[in-house]
Protein backbone atom coordinates (compact mmCIF):
# COMPACT_ATOMS: atom_id res chain seq x y z
CA MET A 1 0.00 0.04 0.09
CA THR A 2 1.31 3.49 -0.89
CA PHE A 3 1.41 6.47 1.45
CA SER A 4 -1.34 8.21 -0.70
CA GLU A 5 -3.57 5.08 -0.40
CA LEU A 6 -2.94 4.91 3.42
CA ILE A 7 -3.99 8.61 4.02
CA ARG A 8 -7.04 8.32 1.84
CA SER A 9 -9.01 6.55 4.66
CA GLU A 10 -12.43 7.80 5.91
CA LYS A 11 -11.19 7.42 9.49
CA PRO A 12 -8.42 9.79 10.68
CA VAL A 13 -4.80 8.72 9.88
CA LEU A 14 -2.15 10.19 12.31
CA VAL A 15 1.37 10.26 10.71
CA ASP A 16 4.39 10.71 12.90
CA PHE A 17 7.08 12.30 10.73
CA SER A 18 10.30 11.27 12.61
CA ALA A 19 13.74 10.30 12.46
CA GLU A 20 16.03 7.56 13.95
CA TRP A 21 18.40 10.23 15.48
CA CYS A 22 15.69 12.47 16.93
CA GLY A 23 15.44 12.36 20.73
CA PRO A 24 12.01 13.92 20.97
CA CYS A 25 10.86 11.35 18.40
CA LYS A 26 11.90 8.63 20.70
CA MET A 27 9.97 10.26 23.69
CA LEU A 28 6.95 10.34 21.44
CA ALA A 29 6.86 6.46 20.70
CA PRO A 30 5.08 5.47 23.97
CA VAL A 31 2.75 8.39 23.71
CA LEU A 32 1.54 7.13 20.43
CA GLU A 33 1.19 3.51 21.87
CA ASP A 34 -0.95 4.88 24.52
CA VAL A 35 -3.08 6.88 21.97
CA LYS A 36 -3.50 3.69 19.85
CA SER A 37 -4.71 1.79 22.86
CA ARG A 38 -7.19 4.44 23.50
CA VAL A 39 -8.61 4.98 20.00
CA GLY A 40 -8.29 1.52 18.80
CA GLU A 41 -9.47 0.90 15.18
CA ASN A 42 -11.16 4.23 15.00
CA ALA A 43 -7.89 5.77 13.81
CA THR A 44 -4.76 4.67 12.08
CA ILE A 45 -1.50 5.64 13.38
CA PHE A 46 1.90 5.14 11.87
CA LYS A 47 5.58 6.47 11.84
CA LEU A 48 7.28 7.74 8.65
CA ASP A 49 11.06 8.18 8.76
CA VAL A 50 11.86 11.50 7.04
CA ASP A 51 15.35 10.31 6.20
CA ARG A 52 14.12 7.29 4.28
CA ASN A 53 11.09 9.19 2.79
CA PRO A 54 12.32 12.65 1.93
CA ALA A 55 10.08 13.21 -1.02
CA ILE A 56 6.98 12.55 1.09
CA ALA A 57 8.22 14.71 3.98
CA SER A 58 9.07 17.50 1.57
CA SER A 59 5.72 17.31 -0.20
CA PHE A 60 4.05 18.28 3.06
CA ASN A 61 6.74 20.79 4.04
CA VAL A 62 8.06 18.83 7.15
CA MET A 63 10.80 20.91 8.28
CA ALA A 64 11.22 19.67 11.87
CA VAL A 65 10.74 16.23 13.54
CA PRO A 66 8.68 15.18 15.28
CA THR A 67 5.86 16.63 13.17
CA LEU A 68 2.46 15.06 13.52
CA ILE A 69 -0.12 15.33 10.75
CA ILE A 70 -3.70 14.03 10.80
CA PHE A 71 -5.00 13.10 7.32
CA GLN A 72 -8.63 12.39 6.45
CA LYS A 73 -9.66 11.42 3.00
CA GLY A 74 -6.14 12.24 1.70
CA LYS A 75 -5.95 15.72 3.08
CA PRO A 76 -4.12 17.06 6.04
CA VAL A 77 -6.67 18.33 8.53
CA TRP A 78 -4.31 19.01 11.57
CA ARG A 79 -0.69 19.56 12.11
CA ARG A 80 1.65 20.10 15.05
CA SER A 81 5.39 19.89 15.64
CA GLY A 82 6.83 18.61 18.91
CA VAL A 83 5.81 16.17 21.73
CA LEU A 84 2.25 16.20 22.91
CA SER A 85 0.58 14.31 25.81
CA ALA A 86 -1.46 11.19 25.11
CA VAL A 87 -4.50 12.83 26.39
CA GLU A 88 -4.19 15.99 24.10
CA LEU A 89 -3.41 13.78 21.03
CA THR A 90 -6.36 11.50 21.80
CA ARG A 91 -8.75 14.45 22.09
CA THR A 92 -7.50 15.84 18.78
CA LEU A 93 -8.00 12.56 17.05
CA GLU A 94 -11.44 12.06 18.49
CA THR A 95 -12.57 15.34 16.86
CA PHE A 96 -12.04 13.80 13.52
CA MET A 97 -13.67 10.51 14.23
CA THR A 98 -17.20 9.73 13.23
CA PRO A 99 -19.52 10.17 16.21
CA ALA A 100 -20.50 6.55 16.27
CA ALA A 101 -16.82 5.60 16.62
CA VAL A 102 -16.03 7.80 19.75
């Protein structure tokens, strides 16, 4: 499945643009695991290494890592750089979920 196919979902897709060498990116990993356990199948969460996928990162003007972007139906609907709490990230994702899913 290609990146564009992954982000075309009806449900929100949270992409963590990160890098292996990035300290804050490593701090974000357990936060994302916590968020995934909270939202379950109602959202998709995955990491994208900017060093291995520079064209994708560039196409979304990702200049710093970690940058989190929520996509819905192929379009970016929310974006933030830096580390967020699991509670804040979960609340943000829930605003893009269908009411029946929340």
